[in-house]
């Protein structure tokens, strides 16, 4: 049985830390005078601050720590992280926006955007819609944490040295997530499939220019 508790406990690497790594000094409050470039700058600043936490989170995962590290920038851990970092950061942003009002997304502690603030930016608009879908699915902490690891442990990454180990880990995660969703929401047997469909949707958001 996969240790869900260990995976969920690793989420602490995403939380605000006491060493000055605060989201609330990344940006400014949203206002009608802000423009599209301002939002992009805030998104980039938030992403920069979260990237190092993303690496800490990866390295704390039991499954990820078992993947080999042999050659700098050519090991399986690096390949998996480079393949998934954009989806993971966007997913994190959308998940923490679930408690926000419908039609809005929380970029950081001081900046929340509504769809009317997006000024035609398709990435922001799609993130807001994605968040609304997560809210509709009633995504909980375990499902969120499991999906992130499934995204990270993608068996579709080319030229992995330990592709079989990665594939086995992802399959275990999928099986456990399916069992969890069926136990938690027996009235919604399709929830597992709907959650998996969020992964290619995230990938499409990351491809928006």
C-alpha atoms as a PDB file:
ATOM      1  CA  UNK A   1       0.000   0.000   0.000  1.00  0.00           C
ATOM      2  CA  UNK A   2       1.415   3.356  -1.025  1.00  0.00           C
ATOM      3  CA  UNK A   3       2.093   5.669   1.907  1.00  0.00           C
ATOM      4  CA  UNK A   4      -0.353   8.531   1.265  1.00  0.00           C
ATOM      5  CA  UNK A   5       0.656  10.130   4.553  1.00  0.00           C
ATOM      6  CA  UNK A   6       4.274  10.468   3.402  1.00  0.00           C
ATOM      7  CA  UNK A   7       3.221  12.078   0.130  1.00  0.00           C
ATOM      8  CA  UNK A   8       0.849  14.513   1.832  1.00  0.00           C
ATOM      9  CA  UNK A   9       3.472  15.403   4.442  1.00  0.00           C
ATOM     10  CA  UNK A  10       5.823  16.446   1.630  1.00  0.00           C
ATOM     11  CA  UNK A  11       3.371  19.244   0.840  1.00  0.00           C
ATOM     12  CA  UNK A  12       4.971  21.256   3.639  1.00  0.00           C
ATOM     13  CA  UNK A  13       7.754  22.076   1.142  1.00  0.00           C
ATOM     14  CA  UNK A  14       5.214  24.197  -0.766  1.00  0.00           C
ATOM     15  CA  UNK A  15       4.102  26.192   2.270  1.00  0.00           C
ATOM     16  CA  UNK A  16       5.399  29.593   3.238  1.00  0.00           C
ATOM     17  CA  UNK A  17       8.589  29.274   5.239  1.00  0.00           C
ATOM     18  CA  UNK A  18       9.927  31.306   8.098  1.00  0.00           C
ATOM     19  CA  UNK A  19      13.134  32.290   6.299  1.00  0.00           C
ATOM     20  CA  UNK A  20      11.695  35.188   4.340  1.00  0.00           C
ATOM     21  CA  UNK A  21      10.387  33.149   1.401  1.00  0.00           C
ATOM     22  CA  UNK A  22       7.049  34.930   1.436  1.00  0.00           C
ATOM     23  CA  UNK A  23       4.595  35.184  -1.413  1.00  0.00           C
ATOM     24  CA  UNK A  24       3.301  38.482  -0.119  1.00  0.00           C
ATOM     25  CA  UNK A  25       6.415  40.356  -1.199  1.00  0.00           C
ATOM     26  CA  UNK A  26       6.264  39.055  -4.752  1.00  0.00           C
ATOM     27  CA  UNK A  27       3.739  41.390  -6.221  1.00  0.00           C
ATOM     28  CA  UNK A  28       1.235  44.125  -5.672  1.00  0.00           C
ATOM     29  CA  UNK A  29      -2.477  44.310  -5.202  1.00  0.00           C
ATOM     30  CA  UNK A  30      -4.643  43.990  -8.288  1.00  0.00           C
ATOM     31  CA  UNK A  31      -6.083  47.247  -9.596  1.00  0.00           C
ATOM     32  CA  UNK A  32      -7.855  48.476 -12.690  1.00  0.00           C
ATOM     33  CA  UNK A  33      -4.688  50.380 -13.648  1.00  0.00           C
ATOM     34  CA  UNK A  34      -2.582  47.211 -13.896  1.00  0.00           C
ATOM     35  CA  UNK A  35      -1.919  45.909 -17.396  1.00  0.00           C
ATOM     36  CA  UNK A  36      -1.224  42.548 -18.957  1.00  0.00           C
ATOM     37  CA  UNK A  37       2.544  42.982 -18.673  1.00  0.00           C
ATOM     38  CA  UNK A  38       2.212  43.588 -14.920  1.00  0.00           C
ATOM     39  CA  UNK A  39       0.393  40.289 -14.516  1.00  0.00           C
ATOM     40  CA  UNK A  40       3.010  38.418 -16.513  1.00  0.00           C
ATOM     41  CA  UNK A  41       5.755  39.923 -14.362  1.00  0.00           C
ATOM     42  CA  UNK A  42       3.952  38.864 -11.199  1.00  0.00           C
ATOM     43  CA  UNK A  43       3.461  35.353 -12.574  1.00  0.00           C
ATOM     44  CA  UNK A  44       7.165  35.108 -13.399  1.00  0.00           C
ATOM     45  CA  UNK A  45       8.155  36.414  -9.971  1.00  0.00           C
ATOM     46  CA  UNK A  46       5.863  33.924  -8.239  1.00  0.00           C
ATOM     47  CA  UNK A  47       7.236  31.100 -10.393  1.00  0.00           C
ATOM     48  CA  UNK A  48      10.837  32.056  -9.578  1.00  0.00           C
ATOM     49  CA  UNK A  49      10.140  31.974  -5.859  1.00  0.00           C
ATOM     50  CA  UNK A  50       8.372  28.621  -6.075  1.00  0.00           C
ATOM     51  CA  UNK A  51      10.872  26.799  -8.272  1.00  0.00           C
ATOM     52  CA  UNK A  52      13.316  26.095  -5.476  1.00  0.00           C
ATOM     53  CA  UNK A  53      10.451  24.860  -3.294  1.00  0.00           C
ATOM     54  CA  UNK A  54       9.421  22.600  -6.157  1.00  0.00           C
ATOM     55  CA  UNK A  55      12.887  21.027  -6.171  1.00  0.00           C
ATOM     56  CA  UNK A  56      12.774  20.581  -2.378  1.00  0.00           C
ATOM     57  CA  UNK A  57       9.375  18.920  -2.694  1.00  0.00           C
ATOM     58  CA  UNK A  58      10.610  16.521  -5.402  1.00  0.00           C
ATOM     59  CA  UNK A  59      13.644  15.477  -3.415  1.00  0.00           C
ATOM     60  CA  UNK A  60      11.534  14.808  -0.324  1.00  0.00           C
ATOM     61  CA  UNK A  61       9.231  12.354  -2.127  1.00  0.00           C
ATOM     62  CA  UNK A  62       9.987   8.709  -1.267  1.00  0.00           C
ATOM     63  CA  UNK A  63       9.351   7.535  -4.850  1.00  0.00           C
ATOM     64  CA  UNK A  64      11.469  10.290  -6.384  1.00  0.00           C
ATOM     65  CA  UNK A  65      14.418   9.679  -4.062  1.00  0.00           C
ATOM     66  CA  UNK A  66      14.641   6.124  -5.412  1.00  0.00           C
ATOM     67  CA  UNK A  67      15.268   7.379  -8.955  1.00  0.00           C
ATOM     68  CA  UNK A  68      18.939   7.420  -9.901  1.00  0.00           C
ATOM     69  CA  UNK A  69      21.184  10.470 -10.015  1.00  0.00           C
ATOM     70  CA  UNK A  70      24.328   9.804 -12.073  1.00  0.00           C
ATOM     71  CA  UNK A  71      25.113  12.615 -14.444  1.00  0.00           C
ATOM     72  CA  UNK A  72      24.453  16.282 -13.824  1.00  0.00           C
ATOM     73  CA  UNK A  73      21.615  17.513 -16.081  1.00  0.00           C
ATOM     74  CA  UNK A  74      21.360  14.033 -17.595  1.00  0.00           C
ATOM     75  CA  UNK A  75      19.898  11.978 -14.777  1.00  0.00           C
ATOM     76  CA  UNK A  76      16.347  10.713 -14.510  1.00  0.00           C
ATOM     77  CA  UNK A  77      15.407  13.064 -11.666  1.00  0.00           C
ATOM     78  CA  UNK A  78      16.415  16.093 -13.719  1.00  0.00           C
ATOM     79  CA  UNK A  79      14.596  14.841 -16.814  1.00  0.00           C
ATOM     80  CA  UNK A  80      11.387  14.223 -14.864  1.00  0.00           C
ATOM     81  CA  UNK A  81      11.552  17.645 -13.231  1.00  0.00           C
ATOM     82  CA  UNK A  82      12.285  19.495 -16.482  1.00  0.00           C
ATOM     83  CA  UNK A  83       9.388  17.685 -18.125  1.00  0.00           C
ATOM     84  CA  UNK A  84       6.824  18.609 -15.478  1.00  0.00           C
ATOM     85  CA  UNK A  85       7.820  21.825 -13.682  1.00  0.00           C
ATOM     86  CA  UNK A  86       5.397  24.072 -15.583  1.00  0.00           C
ATOM     87  CA  UNK A  87       2.390  21.804 -14.975  1.00  0.00           C
ATOM     88  CA  UNK A  88       3.296  21.438 -11.305  1.00  0.00           C
ATOM     89  CA  UNK A  89       3.573  25.185 -10.706  1.00  0.00           C
ATOM     90  CA  UNK A  90       0.308  25.928 -12.508  1.00  0.00           C
ATOM     91  CA  UNK A  91      -1.470  23.117 -10.690  1.00  0.00           C
ATOM     92  CA  UNK A  92      -0.230  24.456  -7.351  1.00  0.00           C
ATOM     93  CA  UNK A  93      -1.473  27.952  -8.200  1.00  0.00           C
ATOM     94  CA  UNK A  94      -4.898  26.684  -9.261  1.00  0.00           C
ATOM     95  CA  UNK A  95      -5.286  24.424  -6.232  1.00  0.00           C
ATOM     96  CA  UNK A  96      -4.612  27.191  -3.723  1.00  0.00           C
ATOM     97  CA  UNK A  97      -7.169  29.302  -5.625  1.00  0.00           C
ATOM     98  CA  UNK A  98     -10.036  26.877  -4.940  1.00  0.00           C
ATOM     99  CA  UNK A  99     -11.175  28.724  -1.755  1.00  0.00           C
ATOM    100  CA  UNK A 100     -11.248  31.998  -3.691  1.00  0.00           C
ATOM    101  CA  UNK A 101     -14.461  33.341  -5.287  1.00  0.00           C
ATOM    102  CA  UNK A 102     -15.543  31.596  -8.476  1.00  0.00           C
ATOM    103  CA  UNK A 103     -13.946  33.141 -11.554  1.00  0.00           C
ATOM    104  CA  UNK A 104     -10.746  34.240  -9.816  1.00  0.00           C
ATOM    105  CA  UNK A 105      -7.253  32.915  -9.239  1.00  0.00           C
ATOM    106  CA  UNK A 106      -4.755  33.629  -6.475  1.00  0.00           C
ATOM    107  CA  UNK A 107      -1.334  34.417  -7.888  1.00  0.00           C
ATOM    108  CA  UNK A 108       0.236  35.179  -4.515  1.00  0.00           C
ATOM    109  CA  UNK A 109      -0.684  36.572  -1.098  1.00  0.00           C
ATOM    110  CA  UNK A 110      -1.399  40.062  -2.449  1.00  0.00           C
ATOM    111  CA  UNK A 111      -2.524  39.444  -6.012  1.00  0.00           C
ATOM    112  CA  UNK A 112      -5.809  37.817  -6.982  1.00  0.00           C
ATOM    113  CA  UNK A 113      -7.031  38.060 -10.569  1.00  0.00           C
ATOM    114  CA  UNK A 114     -10.533  37.880 -11.953  1.00  0.00           C
ATOM    115  CA  UNK A 115     -11.241  36.905 -15.518  1.00  0.00           C
ATOM    116  CA  UNK A 116     -12.052  40.527 -16.304  1.00  0.00           C
ATOM    117  CA  UNK A 117      -8.494  41.428 -15.202  1.00  0.00           C
ATOM    118  CA  UNK A 118      -6.847  39.040 -17.662  1.00  0.00           C
ATOM    119  CA  UNK A 119      -6.903  41.544 -20.558  1.00  0.00           C
ATOM    120  CA  UNK A 120      -7.154  38.729 -23.076  1.00  0.00           C
ATOM    121  CA  UNK A 121      -4.291  36.692 -21.611  1.00  0.00           C
ATOM    122  CA  UNK A 122      -5.301  33.123 -22.487  1.00  0.00           C
ATOM    123  CA  UNK A 123      -3.025  31.511 -19.907  1.00  0.00           C
ATOM    124  CA  UNK A 124      -4.685  33.364 -17.025  1.00  0.00           C
ATOM    125  CA  UNK A 125      -8.173  32.765 -18.447  1.00  0.00           C
ATOM    126  CA  UNK A 126      -7.545  29.039 -18.793  1.00  0.00           C
ATOM    127  CA  UNK A 127      -6.076  28.819 -15.296  1.00  0.00           C
ATOM    128  CA  UNK A 128      -9.234  30.422 -13.911  1.00  0.00           C
ATOM    129  CA  UNK A 129     -11.426  27.935 -15.787  1.00  0.00           C
ATOM    130  CA  UNK A 130      -9.184  25.069 -14.667  1.00  0.00           C
ATOM    131  CA  UNK A 131      -9.579  26.190 -11.049  1.00  0.00           C
ATOM    132  CA  UNK A 132     -13.354  26.285 -11.449  1.00  0.00           C
ATOM    133  CA  UNK A 133     -13.231  22.673 -12.676  1.00  0.00           C
ATOM    134  CA  UNK A 134     -11.132  21.579  -9.694  1.00  0.00           C
ATOM    135  CA  UNK A 135     -13.669  23.228  -7.413  1.00  0.00           C
ATOM    136  CA  UNK A 136     -16.485  21.359  -9.149  1.00  0.00           C
ATOM    137  CA  UNK A 137     -14.636  18.050  -8.712  1.00  0.00           C
ATOM    138  CA  UNK A 138     -14.193  18.761  -4.977  1.00  0.00           C
ATOM    139  CA  UNK A 139     -10.490  17.993  -5.189  1.00  0.00           C
ATOM    140  CA  UNK A 140      -9.088  17.226  -1.745  1.00  0.00           C
ATOM    141  CA  UNK A 141      -5.533  17.311  -0.382  1.00  0.00           C
ATOM    142  CA  UNK A 142      -4.769  13.636  -1.000  1.00  0.00           C
ATOM    143  CA  UNK A 143      -6.036  13.746  -4.596  1.00  0.00           C
ATOM    144  CA  UNK A 144      -4.073  16.930  -5.242  1.00  0.00           C
ATOM    145  CA  UNK A 145      -0.849  15.518  -3.781  1.00  0.00           C
ATOM    146  CA  UNK A 146      -1.264  12.241  -5.673  1.00  0.00           C
ATOM    147  CA  UNK A 147      -1.918  13.966  -8.995  1.00  0.00           C
ATOM    148  CA  UNK A 148       1.203  16.078  -8.582  1.00  0.00           C
ATOM    149  CA  UNK A 149       3.365  13.006  -8.087  1.00  0.00           C
ATOM    150  CA  UNK A 150       1.671  11.274 -11.038  1.00  0.00           C
ATOM    151  CA  UNK A 151       2.487  14.326 -13.181  1.00  0.00           C
ATOM    152  CA  UNK A 152       6.077  14.291 -11.958  1.00  0.00           C
ATOM    153  CA  UNK A 153       6.592  10.547 -12.468  1.00  0.00           C
ATOM    154  CA  UNK A 154       5.622  10.622 -16.117  1.00  0.00           C
ATOM    155  CA  UNK A 155       6.512   7.408 -17.947  1.00  0.00           C
ATOM    156  CA  UNK A 156       6.365   9.326 -21.255  1.00  0.00           C
ATOM    157  CA  UNK A 157       9.674  11.116 -20.693  1.00  0.00           C
ATOM    158  CA  UNK A 158      12.186  10.044 -23.349  1.00  0.00           C
ATOM    159  CA  UNK A 159      15.434   8.185 -22.654  1.00  0.00           C
ATOM    160  CA  UNK A 160      15.021   7.540 -18.937  1.00  0.00           C
ATOM    161  CA  UNK A 161      17.703   5.263 -17.520  1.00  0.00           C
ATOM    162  CA  UNK A 162      15.209   3.645 -15.160  1.00  0.00           C
ATOM    163  CA  UNK A 163      12.040   3.895 -17.237  1.00  0.00           C
ATOM    164  CA  UNK A 164      10.636   0.649 -15.824  1.00  0.00           C
ATOM    165  CA  UNK A 165      10.969   1.904 -12.253  1.00  0.00           C
ATOM    166  CA  UNK A 166       9.292   5.207 -13.141  1.00  0.00           C
ATOM    167  CA  UNK A 167       6.488   3.410 -14.998  1.00  0.00           C
ATOM    168  CA  UNK A 168       5.940   1.045 -12.080  1.00  0.00           C
ATOM    169  CA  UNK A 169       5.792   3.952  -9.624  1.00  0.00           C
ATOM    170  CA  UNK A 170       3.276   5.830 -11.767  1.00  0.00           C
ATOM    171  CA  UNK A 171       1.087   2.731 -12.139  1.00  0.00           C
ATOM    172  CA  UNK A 172       1.094   2.197  -8.379  1.00  0.00           C
ATOM    173  CA  UNK A 173       0.065   5.799  -7.862  1.00  0.00           C
ATOM    174  CA  UNK A 174      -2.736   5.503 -10.409  1.00  0.00           C
ATOM    175  CA  UNK A 175      -4.086   2.344  -8.791  1.00  0.00           C
ATOM    176  CA  UNK A 176      -3.996   3.861  -5.325  1.00  0.00           C
ATOM    177  CA  UNK A 177      -5.617   7.101  -6.487  1.00  0.00           C
ATOM    178  CA  UNK A 178      -8.409   5.166  -8.174  1.00  0.00           C
ATOM    179  CA  UNK A 179      -9.031   3.154  -4.997  1.00  0.00           C
ATOM    180  CA  UNK A 180      -9.012   6.335  -2.921  1.00  0.00           C
ATOM    181  CA  UNK A 181     -11.475   8.231  -5.110  1.00  0.00           C
ATOM    182  CA  UNK A 182     -13.855   5.267  -5.237  1.00  0.00           C
ATOM    183  CA  UNK A 183     -13.748   4.942  -1.449  1.00  0.00           C
ATOM    184  CA  UNK A 184     -14.165   8.677  -0.869  1.00  0.00           C
ATOM    185  CA  UNK A 185     -16.797   9.310  -3.548  1.00  0.00           C
ATOM    186  CA  UNK A 186     -18.589   6.030  -4.301  1.00  0.00           C
ATOM    187  CA  UNK A 187     -21.444   8.049  -5.789  1.00  0.00           C
ATOM    188  CA  UNK A 188     -19.051   9.430  -8.440  1.00  0.00           C
ATOM    189  CA  UNK A 189     -17.279   6.436 -10.053  1.00  0.00           C
ATOM    190  CA  UNK A 190     -16.159   8.651 -12.946  1.00  0.00           C
ATOM    191  CA  UNK A 191     -14.170  10.993 -10.707  1.00  0.00           C
ATOM    192  CA  UNK A 192     -10.892   9.129 -11.163  1.00  0.00           C
ATOM    193  CA  UNK A 193     -11.100   9.469 -14.953  1.00  0.00           C
ATOM    194  CA  UNK A 194     -12.075  13.128 -14.680  1.00  0.00           C
ATOM    195  CA  UNK A 195      -9.046  13.812 -12.488  1.00  0.00           C
ATOM    196  CA  UNK A 196      -6.709  12.178 -14.981  1.00  0.00           C
ATOM    197  CA  UNK A 197      -8.168  14.325 -17.769  1.00  0.00           C
ATOM    198  CA  UNK A 198      -6.903  17.362 -15.864  1.00  0.00           C
ATOM    199  CA  UNK A 199      -3.300  16.382 -16.678  1.00  0.00           C
ATOM    200  CA  UNK A 200      -3.463  16.909 -20.475  1.00  0.00           C
ATOM    201  CA  UNK A 201      -5.499  20.050 -19.803  1.00  0.00           C
ATOM    202  CA  UNK A 202      -2.645  21.376 -17.666  1.00  0.00           C
ATOM    203  CA  UNK A 203      -0.210  20.545 -20.435  1.00  0.00           C
ATOM    204  CA  UNK A 204      -2.274  22.519 -22.935  1.00  0.00           C
ATOM    205  CA  UNK A 205      -2.307  25.539 -20.594  1.00  0.00           C
ATOM    206  CA  UNK A 206       1.483  25.404 -20.394  1.00  0.00           C
ATOM    207  CA  UNK A 207       1.679  25.514 -24.191  1.00  0.00           C
ATOM    208  CA  UNK A 208      -0.306  28.751 -24.425  1.00  0.00           C
ATOM    209  CA  UNK A 209       1.764  31.654 -25.744  1.00  0.00           C
END
